[in-house]
PDB file of N, CA and C in Angstrom:
ATOM      1  N   MET A   1      22.812 102.431-159.156  1.00  0.00           N
ATOM      2  CA  MET A   1      21.887 102.675-160.251  1.00  0.00           C
ATOM      3  C   MET A   1      20.982 103.849-159.874  1.00  0.00           C
ATOM      4  N   GLU A   2      20.904 104.834-160.740  1.00  0.00           N
ATOM      5  CA  GLU A   2      20.100 106.019-160.479  1.00  0.00           C
ATOM      6  C   GLU A   2      18.693 105.810-161.033  1.00  0.00           C
ATOM      7  N   ARG A   3      17.725 106.169-160.245  1.00  0.00           N
ATOM      8  CA  ARG A   3      16.335 105.995-160.673  1.00  0.00           C
ATOM      9  C   ARG A   3      15.822 107.290-161.283  1.00  0.00           C
ATOM     10  N   SER A   4      14.966 107.143-162.257  1.00  0.00           N
ATOM     11  CA  SER A   4      14.422 108.325-162.921  1.00  0.00           C
ATOM     12  C   SER A   4      13.332 108.957-162.062  1.00  0.00           C
ATOM     13  N   HIS A   5      13.048 110.207-162.382  1.00  0.00           N
ATOM     14  CA  HIS A   5      12.001 110.929-161.660  1.00  0.00           C
ATOM     15  C   HIS A   5      10.644 110.265-161.889  1.00  0.00           C
ATOM     16  N   ALA A   6      10.388 109.816-163.113  1.00  0.00           N
ATOM     17  CA  ALA A   6       9.103 109.172-163.426  1.00  0.00           C
ATOM     18  C   ALA A   6       8.920 107.910-162.603  1.00  0.00           C
ATOM     19  N   GLU A   7       9.976 107.127-162.474  1.00  0.00           N
ATOM     20  CA  GLU A   7       9.887 105.909-161.668  1.00  0.00           C
ATOM     21  C   GLU A   7       9.601 106.240-160.208  1.00  0.00           C
ATOM     22  N   ALA A   8      10.213 107.301-159.712  1.00  0.00           N
ATOM     23  CA  ALA A   8       9.981 107.713-158.323  1.00  0.00           C
ATOM     24  C   ALA A   8       8.534 108.152-158.116  1.00  0.00           C
ATOM     25  N   VAL A   9       7.976 108.855-159.096  1.00  0.00           N
ATOM     26  CA  VAL A   9       6.579 109.309-158.981  1.00  0.00           C
ATOM     27  C   VAL A   9       5.628 108.113-159.029  1.00  0.00           C
ATOM     28  N   ILE A  10       5.890 107.161-159.907  1.00  0.00           N
ATOM     29  CA  ILE A  10       5.044 105.960-159.987  1.00  0.00           C
ATOM     30  C   ILE A  10       5.134 105.173-158.685  1.00  0.00           C
ATOM     31  N   ARG A  11       6.341 105.050-158.153  1.00  0.00           N
ATOM     32  CA  ARG A  11       6.525 104.350-156.878  1.00  0.00           C
ATOM     33  C   ARG A  11       5.784 105.078-155.747  1.00  0.00           C
ATOM     34  N   TRP A  12       5.822 106.417-155.752  1.00  0.00           N
ATOM     35  CA  TRP A  12       5.118 107.235-154.752  1.00  0.00           C
ATOM     36  C   TRP A  12       3.616 106.970-154.825  1.00  0.00           C
ATOM     37  N   ASN A  13       3.066 106.913-156.041  1.00  0.00           N
ATOM     38  CA  ASN A  13       1.643 106.618-156.214  1.00  0.00           C
ATOM     39  C   ASN A  13       1.310 105.223-155.702  1.00  0.00           C
ATOM     40  N   ALA A  14       2.130 104.245-156.054  1.00  0.00           N
ATOM     41  CA  ALA A  14       1.879 102.867-155.621  1.00  0.00           C
ATOM     42  C   ALA A  14       1.958 102.746-154.103  1.00  0.00           C
ATOM     43  N   GLN A  15       2.920 103.419-153.492  1.00  0.00           N
ATOM     44  CA  GLN A  15       3.044 103.375-152.032  1.00  0.00           C
ATOM     45  C   GLN A  15       1.868 104.065-151.357  1.00  0.00           C
ATOM     46  N   THR A  16       1.369 105.140-151.959  1.00  0.00           N
ATOM     47  CA  THR A  16       0.199 105.833-151.409  1.00  0.00           C
ATOM     48  C   THR A  16      -1.028 104.928-151.448  1.00  0.00           C
ATOM     49  N   VAL A  17      -1.232 104.243-152.570  1.00  0.00           N
ATOM     50  CA  VAL A  17      -2.372 103.326-152.697  1.00  0.00           C
ATOM     51  C   VAL A  17      -2.234 102.180-151.704  1.00  0.00           C
ATOM     52  N   ALA A  18      -1.045 101.605-151.593  1.00  0.00           N
ATOM     53  CA  ALA A  18      -0.829 100.488-150.666  1.00  0.00           C
ATOM     54  C   ALA A  18      -1.064 100.919-149.224  1.00  0.00           C
ATOM     55  N   ALA A  19      -0.600 102.109-148.873  1.00  0.00           N
ATOM     56  CA  ALA A  19      -0.809 102.609-147.507  1.00  0.00           C
ATOM     57  C   ALA A  19      -2.297 102.809-147.236  1.00  0.00           C
ATOM     58  N   ARG A  20      -3.018 103.336-148.221  1.00  0.00           N
ATOM     59  CA  ARG A  20      -4.458 103.551-148.030  1.00  0.00           C
ATOM     60  C   ARG A  20      -5.192 102.222-147.863  1.00  0.00           C
ATOM     61  N   LEU A  21      -4.803 101.220-148.640  1.00  0.00           N
ATOM     62  CA  LEU A  21      -5.447  99.912-148.508  1.00  0.00           C
ATOM     63  C   LEU A  21      -5.181  99.303-147.135  1.00  0.00           C
ATOM     64  N   ARG A  22      -3.974  99.502-146.605  1.00  0.00           N
ATOM     65  CA  ARG A  22      -3.684  99.011-145.248  1.00  0.00           C
ATOM     66  C   ARG A  22      -4.542  99.729-144.213  1.00  0.00           C
ATOM     67  N   VAL A  23      -4.703 101.050-144.375  1.00  0.00           N
ATOM     68  CA  VAL A  23      -5.539 101.821-143.444  1.00  0.00           C
ATOM     69  C   VAL A  23      -6.993 101.365-143.535  1.00  0.00           C
ATOM     70  N   LEU A  24      -7.491 101.158-144.752  1.00  0.00           N
ATOM     71  CA  LEU A  24      -8.873 100.683-144.910  1.00  0.00           C
ATOM     72  C   LEU A  24      -9.065  99.315-144.275  1.00  0.00           C
ATOM     73  N   ALA A  25      -8.091  98.441-144.443  1.00  0.00           N
ATOM     74  CA  ALA A  25      -8.191  97.108-143.833  1.00  0.00           C
ATOM     75  C   ALA A  25      -8.230  97.216-142.312  1.00  0.00           C
ATOM     76  N   ASP A  26      -7.391  98.065-141.742  1.00  0.00           N
ATOM     77  CA  ASP A  26      -7.408  98.263-140.289  1.00  0.00           C
ATOM     78  C   ASP A  26      -8.727  98.873-139.831  1.00  0.00           C
ATOM     79  N   ASP A  27      -9.241  99.835-140.600  1.00  0.00           N
ATOM     80  CA  ASP A  27     -10.522 100.458-140.241  1.00  0.00           C
ATOM     81  C   ASP A  27     -11.646  99.429-140.237  1.00  0.00           C
ATOM     82  N   MET A  28     -11.640  98.529-141.212  1.00  0.00           N
ATOM     83  CA  MET A  28     -12.671  97.483-141.243  1.00  0.00           C
ATOM     84  C   MET A  28     -12.499  96.518-140.081  1.00  0.00           C
ATOM     85  N   LEU A  29     -11.258  96.159-139.819  1.00  0.00           N
ATOM     86  CA  LEU A  29     -10.978  95.197-138.762  1.00  0.00           C
ATOM     87  C   LEU A  29     -11.370  95.734-137.395  1.00  0.00           C
ATOM     88  N   TYR A  30     -11.086  97.008-137.154  1.00  0.00           N
ATOM     89  CA  TYR A  30     -11.338  97.596-135.836  1.00  0.00           C
ATOM     90  C   TYR A  30     -12.606  98.440-135.797  1.00  0.00           C
ATOM     91  N   HIS A  31     -13.452  98.333-136.830  1.00  0.00           N
ATOM     92  CA  HIS A  31     -14.764  98.998-136.876  1.00  0.00           C
ATOM     93  C   HIS A  31     -14.632 100.505-136.688  1.00  0.00           C
ATOM     94  N   ARG A  32     -13.705 101.098-137.419  1.00  0.00           N
ATOM     95  CA  ARG A  32     -13.528 102.551-137.374  1.00  0.00           C
ATOM     96  C   ARG A  32     -14.100 103.158-138.644  1.00  0.00           C
ATOM     97  N   PHE A  33     -14.583 104.389-138.510  1.00  0.00           N
ATOM     98  CA  PHE A  33     -15.088 105.122-139.664  1.00  0.00           C
ATOM     99  C   PHE A  33     -13.892 105.637-140.460  1.00  0.00           C
ATOM    100  N   PRO A  34     -13.818 105.352-141.765  1.00  0.00           N
ATOM    101  CA  PRO A  34     -12.637 105.767-142.539  1.00  0.00           C
ATOM    102  C   PRO A  34     -12.561 107.279-142.716  1.00  0.00           C
ATOM    103  N   LYS A  35     -11.331 107.785-142.713  1.00  0.00           N
ATOM    104  CA  LYS A  35     -11.102 109.215-142.927  1.00  0.00           C
ATOM    105  C   LYS A  35     -11.069 109.496-144.423  1.00  0.00           C
ATOM    106  N   ARG A  36     -11.212 110.779-144.779  1.00  0.00           N
ATOM    107  CA  ARG A  36     -11.183 111.181-146.184  1.00  0.00           C
ATOM    108  C   ARG A  36      -9.821 110.873-146.793  1.00  0.00           C
ATOM    109  N   PHE A  37      -9.843 110.534-148.056  1.00  0.00           N
ATOM    110  CA  PHE A  37      -8.611 110.177-148.757  1.00  0.00           C
ATOM    111  C   PHE A  37      -8.421 111.103-149.946  1.00  0.00           C
ATOM    112  N   GLN A  38      -7.258 111.682-150.047  1.00  0.00           N
ATOM    113  CA  GLN A  38      -6.905 112.531-151.179  1.00  0.00           C
ATOM    114  C   GLN A  38      -5.572 112.079-151.748  1.00  0.00           C
ATOM    115  N   MET A  39      -5.492 112.076-153.052  1.00  0.00           N
ATOM    116  CA  MET A  39      -4.270 111.678-153.737  1.00  0.00           C
ATOM    117  C   MET A  39      -3.980 112.660-154.869  1.00  0.00           C
ATOM    118  N   ASP A  40      -4.417 113.903-154.681  1.00  0.00           N
ATOM    119  CA  ASP A  40      -4.329 114.898-155.750  1.00  0.00           C
ATOM    120  C   ASP A  40      -2.890 115.204-156.158  1.00  0.00           C
ATOM    121  N   LYS A  41      -1.997 115.370-155.183  1.00  0.00           N
ATOM    122  CA  LYS A  41      -0.605 115.720-155.512  1.00  0.00           C
ATOM    123  C   LYS A  41       0.066 114.611-156.317  1.00  0.00           C
ATOM    124  N   GLN A  42      -0.196 113.375-155.933  1.00  0.00           N
ATOM    125  CA  GLN A  42       0.412 112.251-156.637  1.00  0.00           C
ATOM    126  C   GLN A  42      -0.103 112.155-158.074  1.00  0.00           C
ATOM    127  N   ILE A  43      -1.409 112.333-158.249  1.00  0.00           N
ATOM    128  CA  ILE A  43      -2.008 112.262-159.588  1.00  0.00           C
ATOM    129  C   ILE A  43      -1.515 113.425-160.448  1.00  0.00           C
ATOM    130  N   GLU A  44      -1.416 114.620-159.854  1.00  0.00           N
ATOM    131  CA  GLU A  44      -0.915 115.775-160.605  1.00  0.00           C
ATOM    132  C   GLU A  44       0.515 115.539-161.081  1.00  0.00           C
ATOM    133  N   ALA A  45       1.336 114.921-160.245  1.00  0.00           N
ATOM    134  CA  ALA A  45       2.714 114.627-160.646  1.00  0.00           C
ATOM    135  C   ALA A  45       2.740 113.648-161.820  1.00  0.00           C
ATOM    136  N   LEU A  46       1.865 112.635-161.784  1.00  0.00           N
ATOM    137  CA  LEU A  46       1.791 111.689-162.908  1.00  0.00           C
ATOM    138  C   LEU A  46       1.298 112.368-164.185  1.00  0.00           C
ATOM    139  N   GLU A  47       0.292 113.228-164.052  1.00  0.00           N
ATOM    140  CA  GLU A  47      -0.232 113.923-165.224  1.00  0.00           C
ATOM    141  C   GLU A  47       0.815 114.864-165.818  1.00  0.00           C
ATOM    142  N   LYS A  48       1.619 115.477-164.954  1.00  0.00           N
ATOM    143  CA  LYS A  48       2.690 116.356-165.431  1.00  0.00           C
ATOM    144  C   LYS A  48       3.713 115.556-166.245  1.00  0.00           C
ATOM    145  N   ILE A  49       4.056 114.379-165.765  1.00  0.00           N
ATOM    146  CA  ILE A  49       4.991 113.521-166.501  1.00  0.00           C
ATOM    147  C   ILE A  49       4.384 113.103-167.837  1.00  0.00           C
ATOM    148  N   ALA A  50       3.088 112.781-167.837  1.00  0.00           N
ATOM    149  CA  ALA A  50       2.419 112.391-169.082  1.00  0.00           C
ATOM    150  C   ALA A  50       2.401 113.554-170.077  1.00  0.00           C
ATOM    151  N   ARG A  51       2.214 114.778-169.582  1.00  0.00           N
ATOM    152  CA  ARG A  51       2.230 115.951-170.467  1.00  0.00           C
ATOM    153  C   ARG A  51       3.639 116.229-171.001  1.00  0.00           C
ATOM    154  N   GLN A  52       4.644 116.016-170.162  1.00  0.00           N
ATOM    155  CA  GLN A  52       6.022 116.283-170.581  1.00  0.00           C
ATOM    156  C   GLN A  52       6.504 115.282-171.629  1.00  0.00           C
ATOM    157  N   HIS A  53       5.966 114.081-171.601  1.00  0.00           N
ATOM    158  CA  HIS A  53       6.383 113.025-172.532  1.00  0.00           C
ATOM    159  C   HIS A  53       5.160 112.453-173.248  1.00  0.00           C
ATOM    160  N   PRO A  54       4.573 113.215-174.180  1.00  0.00           N
ATOM    161  CA  PRO A  54       3.349 112.745-174.844  1.00  0.00           C
ATOM    162  C   PRO A  54       3.556 111.513-175.723  1.00  0.00           C
ATOM    163  N   ASP A  55       4.794 111.258-176.139  1.00  0.00           N
ATOM    164  CA  ASP A  55       5.056 110.102-176.992  1.00  0.00           C
ATOM    165  C   ASP A  55       5.221 108.809-176.204  1.00  0.00           C
ATOM    166  N   ASN A  56       5.322 108.903-174.885  1.00  0.00           N
ATOM    167  CA  ASN A  56       5.513 107.717-174.041  1.00  0.00           C
ATOM    168  C   ASN A  56       4.168 107.312-173.431  1.00  0.00           C
ATOM    169  N   PRO A  57       3.623 106.154-173.817  1.00  0.00           N
ATOM    170  CA  PRO A  57       2.300 105.753-173.312  1.00  0.00           C
ATOM    171  C   PRO A  57       2.302 105.326-171.845  1.00  0.00           C
ATOM    172  N   VAL A  58       3.461 105.047-171.269  1.00  0.00           N
ATOM    173  CA  VAL A  58       3.506 104.576-169.880  1.00  0.00           C
ATOM    174  C   VAL A  58       2.994 105.649-168.928  1.00  0.00           C
ATOM    175  N   GLY A  59       3.373 106.890-169.146  1.00  0.00           N
ATOM    176  CA  GLY A  59       2.909 107.981-168.286  1.00  0.00           C
ATOM    177  C   GLY A  59       1.400 108.143-168.339  1.00  0.00           C
ATOM    178  N   HIS A  60       0.845 108.084-169.551  1.00  0.00           N
ATOM    179  CA  HIS A  60      -0.611 108.195-169.706  1.00  0.00           C
ATOM    180  C   HIS A  60      -1.319 107.004-169.060  1.00  0.00           C
ATOM    181  N   PHE A  61      -0.764 105.817-169.268  1.00  0.00           N
ATOM    182  CA  PHE A  61      -1.334 104.599-168.688  1.00  0.00           C
ATOM    183  C   PHE A  61      -1.372 104.699-167.163  1.00  0.00           C
ATOM    184  N   CYS A  62      -0.248 105.062-166.561  1.00  0.00           N
ATOM    185  CA  CYS A  62      -0.178 105.146-165.095  1.00  0.00           C
ATOM    186  C   CYS A  62      -1.080 106.251-164.562  1.00  0.00           C
ATOM    187  N   ALA A  63      -1.089 107.403-165.228  1.00  0.00           N
ATOM    188  CA  ALA A  63      -1.934 108.509-164.771  1.00  0.00           C
ATOM    189  C   ALA A  63      -3.405 108.110-164.804  1.00  0.00           C
ATOM    190  N   TRP A  64      -3.824 107.470-165.890  1.00  0.00           N
ATOM    191  CA  TRP A  64      -5.234 107.085-166.011  1.00  0.00           C
ATOM    192  C   TRP A  64      -5.605 106.055-164.949  1.00  0.00           C
ATOM    193  N   HIS A  65      -4.795 105.007-164.814  1.00  0.00           N
ATOM    194  CA  HIS A  65      -5.136 103.937-163.880  1.00  0.00           C
ATOM    195  C   HIS A  65      -5.056 104.392-162.428  1.00  0.00           C
ATOM    196  N   PHE A  66      -4.036 105.141-162.072  1.00  0.00           N
ATOM    197  CA  PHE A  66      -3.942 105.617-160.692  1.00  0.00           C
ATOM    198  C   PHE A  66      -5.051 106.612-160.370  1.00  0.00           C
ATOM    199  N   SER A  67      -5.493 107.405-161.359  1.00  0.00           N
ATOM    200  CA  SER A  67      -6.607 108.322-161.086  1.00  0.00           C
ATOM    201  C   SER A  67      -7.899 107.546-160.842  1.00  0.00           C
ATOM    202  N   ARG A  68      -8.104 106.442-161.561  1.00  0.00           N
ATOM    203  CA  ARG A  68      -9.293 105.609-161.323  1.00  0.00           C
ATOM    204  C   ARG A  68      -9.227 104.944-159.950  1.00  0.00           C
ATOM    205  N   ILE A  69      -8.051 104.435-159.596  1.00  0.00           N
ATOM    206  CA  ILE A  69      -7.876 103.813-158.278  1.00  0.00           C
ATOM    207  C   ILE A  69      -8.110 104.840-157.182  1.00  0.00           C
ATOM    208  N   ALA A  70      -7.577 106.045-157.370  1.00  0.00           N
ATOM    209  CA  ALA A  70      -7.754 107.106-156.370  1.00  0.00           C
ATOM    210  C   ALA A  70      -9.230 107.466-156.218  1.00  0.00           C
ATOM    211  N   ARG A  71      -9.968 107.486-157.322  1.00  0.00           N
ATOM    212  CA  ARG A  71     -11.395 107.810-157.238  1.00  0.00           C
ATOM    213  C   ARG A  71     -12.159 106.737-156.461  1.00  0.00           C
ATOM    214  N   VAL A  72     -11.830 105.471-156.706  1.00  0.00           N
ATOM    215  CA  VAL A  72     -12.487 104.381-155.970  1.00  0.00           C
ATOM    216  C   VAL A  72     -12.152 104.466-154.479  1.00  0.00           C
ATOM    217  N   LEU A  73     -10.895 104.730-154.158  1.00  0.00           N
ATOM    218  CA  LEU A  73     -10.503 104.821-152.750  1.00  0.00           C
ATOM    219  C   LEU A  73     -11.104 106.047-152.078  1.00  0.00           C
ATOM    220  N   HIS A  74     -11.319 107.112-152.847  1.00  0.00           N
ATOM    221  CA  HIS A  74     -11.919 108.326-152.284  1.00  0.00           C
ATOM    222  C   HIS A  74     -13.412 108.142-152.031  1.00  0.00           C
ATOM    223  N   THR A  75     -14.131 107.628-153.033  1.00  0.00           N
ATOM    224  CA  THR A  75     -15.586 107.497-152.904  1.00  0.00           C
ATOM    225  C   THR A  75     -15.999 106.211-152.217  1.00  0.00           C
ATOM    226  N   GLN A  76     -15.152 105.190-152.279  1.00  0.00           N
ATOM    227  CA  GLN A  76     -15.446 103.855-151.761  1.00  0.00           C
ATOM    228  C   GLN A  76     -16.734 103.293-152.355  1.00  0.00           C
ATOM    229  N   ARG A  77     -16.909 103.562-153.654  1.00  0.00           N
ATOM    230  CA  ARG A  77     -18.038 103.040-154.413  1.00  0.00           C
ATOM    231  C   ARG A  77     -17.521 102.572-155.774  1.00  0.00           C
ATOM    232  N   PRO A  78     -18.232 101.670-156.433  1.00  0.00           N
ATOM    233  CA  PRO A  78     -17.798 101.239-157.772  1.00  0.00           C
ATOM    234  C   PRO A  78     -17.800 102.406-158.753  1.00  0.00           C
ATOM    235  N   LEU A  79     -16.987 102.309-159.784  1.00  0.00           N
ATOM    236  CA  LEU A  79     -16.913 103.374-160.781  1.00  0.00           C
ATOM    237  C   LEU A  79     -18.142 103.415-161.675  1.00  0.00           C
ATOM    238  N   TYR A  80     -18.830 102.301-161.825  1.00  0.00           N
ATOM    239  CA  TYR A  80     -20.022 102.266-162.663  1.00  0.00           C
ATOM    240  C   TYR A  80     -21.041 101.325-162.033  1.00  0.00           C
ATOM    241  N   ALA A  81     -22.304 101.563-162.356  1.00  0.00           N
ATOM    242  CA  ALA A  81     -23.386 100.748-161.796  1.00  0.00           C
ATOM    243  C   ALA A  81     -23.355  99.366-162.430  1.00  0.00           C
ATOM    244  N   ARG A  82     -23.579  98.383-161.618  1.00  0.00           N
ATOM    245  CA  ARG A  82     -23.572  97.000-162.102  1.00  0.00           C
ATOM    246  C   ARG A  82     -24.930  96.364-161.844  1.00  0.00           C
ATOM    247  N   ASP A  83     -25.372  95.561-162.786  1.00  0.00           N
ATOM    248  CA  ASP A  83     -26.558  94.756-162.585  1.00  0.00           C
ATOM    249  C   ASP A  83     -26.075  93.317-162.502  1.00  0.00           C
ATOM    250  N   LEU A  84     -25.942  92.829-161.294  1.00  0.00           N
ATOM    251  CA  LEU A  84     -25.343  91.519-161.098  1.00  0.00           C
ATOM    252  C   LEU A  84     -26.291  90.374-161.407  1.00  0.00           C
ATOM    253  N   MET A  85     -27.590  90.638-161.412  1.00  0.00           N
ATOM    254  CA  MET A  85     -28.567  89.581-161.698  1.00  0.00           C
ATOM    255  C   MET A  85     -29.409  90.001-162.894  1.00  0.00           C
ATOM    256  N   ALA A  86     -29.632  89.091-163.796  1.00  0.00           N
ATOM    257  CA  ALA A  86     -30.498  89.369-164.939  1.00  0.00           C
ATOM    258  C   ALA A  86     -31.929  89.554-164.442  1.00  0.00           C
ATOM    259  N   ASP A  87     -32.758  90.201-165.259  1.00  0.00           N
ATOM    260  CA  ASP A  87     -34.135  90.495-164.847  1.00  0.00           C
ATOM    261  C   ASP A  87     -34.912  89.247-164.471  1.00  0.00           C
ATOM    262  N   LYS A  88     -34.758  88.172-165.223  1.00  0.00           N
ATOM    263  CA  LYS A  88     -35.544  86.981-164.913  1.00  0.00           C
ATOM    264  C   LYS A  88     -35.039  86.273-163.663  1.00  0.00           C
ATOM    265  N   GLU A  89     -33.815  86.586-163.229  1.00  0.00           N
ATOM    266  CA  GLU A  89     -33.291  85.960-162.019  1.00  0.00           C
ATOM    267  C   GLU A  89     -33.595  86.769-160.764  1.00  0.00           C
ATOM    268  N   ARG A  90     -34.201  87.935-160.923  1.00  0.00           N
ATOM    269  CA  ARG A  90     -34.487  88.784-159.759  1.00  0.00           C
ATOM    270  C   ARG A  90     -35.507  88.129-158.827  1.00  0.00           C
ATOM    271  N   ARG A  91     -36.484  87.462-159.408  1.00  0.00           N
ATOM    272  CA  ARG A  91     -37.502  86.812-158.585  1.00  0.00           C
ATOM    273  C   ARG A  91     -36.981  85.451-158.156  1.00  0.00           C
ATOM    274  N   LEU A  92     -37.016  85.216-156.894  1.00  0.00           N
ATOM    275  CA  LEU A  92     -36.555  83.930-156.393  1.00  0.00           C
ATOM    276  C   LEU A  92     -37.573  82.858-156.753  1.00  0.00           C
ATOM    277  N   PRO A  93     -37.141  81.699-157.107  1.00  0.00           N
ATOM    278  CA  PRO A  93     -38.058  80.634-157.538  1.00  0.00           C
ATOM    279  C   PRO A  93     -38.737  79.967-156.341  1.00  0.00           C
ATOM    280  N   LEU A  94     -39.610  80.697-155.657  1.00  0.00           N
ATOM    281  CA  LEU A  94     -40.238  80.188-154.442  1.00  0.00           C
ATOM    282  C   LEU A  94     -41.170  79.012-154.732  1.00  0.00           C
ATOM    283  N   LEU A  95     -42.081  79.182-155.685  1.00  0.00           N
ATOM    284  CA  LEU A  95     -43.048  78.112-155.940  1.00  0.00           C
ATOM    285  C   LEU A  95     -42.385  76.841-156.468  1.00  0.00           C
ATOM    286  N   PRO A  96     -41.478  76.907-157.421  1.00  0.00           N
ATOM    287  CA  PRO A  96     -40.814  75.662-157.828  1.00  0.00           C
ATOM    288  C   PRO A  96     -40.016  75.028-156.688  1.00  0.00           C
ATOM    289  N   ALA A  97     -39.408  75.847-155.842  1.00  0.00           N
ATOM    290  CA  ALA A  97     -38.644  75.294-154.721  1.00  0.00           C
ATOM    291  C   ALA A  97     -39.571  74.601-153.733  1.00  0.00           C
ATOM    292  N   LEU A  98     -40.729  75.217-153.437  1.00  0.00           N
ATOM    293  CA  LEU A  98     -41.692  74.588-152.522  1.00  0.00           C
ATOM    294  C   LEU A  98     -42.243  73.291-153.111  1.00  0.00           C
ATOM    295  N   LYS A  99     -42.519  73.310-154.411  1.00  0.00           N
ATOM    296  CA  LYS A  99     -43.052  72.114-155.062  1.00  0.00           C
ATOM    297  C   LYS A  99     -42.054  70.958-154.949  1.00  0.00           C
ATOM    298  N   ASN A 100     -40.786  71.237-155.204  1.00  0.00           N
ATOM    299  CA  ASN A 100     -39.770  70.192-155.095  1.00  0.00           C
ATOM    300  C   ASN A 100     -39.589  69.745-153.651  1.00  0.00           C
ATOM    301  N   TYR A 101     -39.672  70.670-152.715  1.00  0.00           N
ATOM    302  CA  TYR A 101     -39.476  70.339-151.305  1.00  0.00           C
ATOM    303  C   TYR A 101     -40.614  69.461-150.785  1.00  0.00           C
ATOM    304  N   LEU A 102     -41.847  69.780-151.214  1.00  0.00           N
ATOM    305  CA  LEU A 102     -43.014  69.050-150.721  1.00  0.00           C
ATOM    306  C   LEU A 102     -43.314  67.791-151.530  1.00  0.00           C
ATOM    307  N   SER A 103     -42.539  67.501-152.528  1.00  0.00           N
ATOM    308  CA  SER A 103     -42.729  66.298-153.328  1.00  0.00           C
ATOM    309  C   SER A 103     -42.445  65.062-152.474  1.00  0.00           C
ATOM    310  N   LEU A 104     -43.146  63.964-152.779  1.00  0.00           N
ATOM    311  CA  LEU A 104     -42.911  62.728-152.035  1.00  0.00           C
ATOM    312  C   LEU A 104     -41.522  62.157-152.314  1.00  0.00           C
ATOM    313  N   LYS A 105     -40.920  62.595-153.391  1.00  0.00           N
ATOM    314  CA  LYS A 105     -39.569  62.136-153.707  1.00  0.00           C
ATOM    315  C   LYS A 105     -38.500  62.982-153.010  1.00  0.00           C
ATOM    316  N   SER A 106     -38.927  64.005-152.307  1.00  0.00           N
ATOM    317  CA  SER A 106     -37.987  64.916-151.659  1.00  0.00           C
ATOM    318  C   SER A 106     -37.233  64.225-150.533  1.00  0.00           C
ATOM    319  N   PRO A 107     -35.926  64.346-150.490  1.00  0.00           N
ATOM    320  CA  PRO A 107     -35.158  63.744-149.390  1.00  0.00           C
ATOM    321  C   PRO A 107     -35.550  64.332-148.030  1.00  0.00           C
ATOM    322  N   ALA A 108     -35.960  65.596-148.016  1.00  0.00           N
ATOM    323  CA  ALA A 108     -36.346  66.223-146.747  1.00  0.00           C
ATOM    324  C   ALA A 108     -37.595  65.566-146.175  1.00  0.00           C
ATOM    325  N   LEU A 109     -38.571  65.265-147.034  1.00  0.00           N
ATOM    326  CA  LEU A 109     -39.787  64.624-146.539  1.00  0.00           C
ATOM    327  C   LEU A 109     -39.573  63.138-146.272  1.00  0.00           C
ATOM    328  N   ARG A 110     -38.687  62.503-147.017  1.00  0.00           N
ATOM    329  CA  ARG A 110     -38.417  61.090-146.757  1.00  0.00           C
ATOM    330  C   ARG A 110     -37.842  60.890-145.364  1.00  0.00           C
ATOM    331  N   GLN A 111     -37.067  61.835-144.892  1.00  0.00           N
ATOM    332  CA  GLN A 111     -36.479  61.720-143.560  1.00  0.00           C
ATOM    333  C   GLN A 111     -37.516  61.964-142.471  1.00  0.00           C
ATOM    334  N   CYS A 112     -38.578  62.716-142.795  1.00  0.00           N
ATOM    335  CA  CYS A 112     -39.596  63.043-141.794  1.00  0.00           C
ATOM    336  C   CYS A 112     -40.654  61.952-141.658  1.00  0.00           C
ATOM    337  N   ARG A 113     -40.833  61.124-142.692  1.00  0.00           N
ATOM    338  CA  ARG A 113     -41.863  60.088-142.637  1.00  0.00           C
ATOM    339  C   ARG A 113     -41.515  59.047-141.585  1.00  0.00           C
ATOM    340  N   PRO A 114     -42.538  58.554-140.903  1.00  0.00           N
ATOM    341  CA  PRO A 114     -42.264  57.501-139.923  1.00  0.00           C
ATOM    342  C   PRO A 114     -41.828  56.227-140.637  1.00  0.00           C
ATOM    343  N   ALA A 115     -40.883  55.576-140.062  1.00  0.00           N
ATOM    344  CA  ALA A 115     -40.379  54.330-140.652  1.00  0.00           C
ATOM    345  C   ALA A 115     -41.393  53.227-140.403  1.00  0.00           C
ATOM    346  N   SER A 116     -41.775  52.512-141.470  1.00  0.00           N
ATOM    347  CA  SER A 116     -42.724  51.408-141.298  1.00  0.00           C
ATOM    348  C   SER A 116     -41.943  50.172-140.876  1.00  0.00           C
ATOM    349  N   ALA A 117     -42.417  49.563-139.827  1.00  0.00           N
ATOM    350  CA  ALA A 117     -41.698  48.416-139.277  1.00  0.00           C
ATOM    351  C   ALA A 117     -42.298  47.127-139.685  1.00  0.00           C
TER     352      ALA A 117
END
């Protein structure tokens, strides 16, 4: 079975991403500073295929997604800023937590009280 050029380019991109993820995992494991990552040739090949076949959405889909993956692997930062905690959750509930902890019904204080014999 003969494989198409587009399939080979997509496979090349996937293998490049997989190899980079393995290198990053090793760098984290062995506490090494990661080297710069470039995937320009692979992305250009995908974009060329997308331009050659404008009616086929697969080329555009792969080019867009692999370019986003390449950007994340290059910068090693999220693509957009995230606010993981709502504004009202930013402040830790210190006073309510202390009130519950110091309550006579608190299991922590019940264990500290001397047992009456």
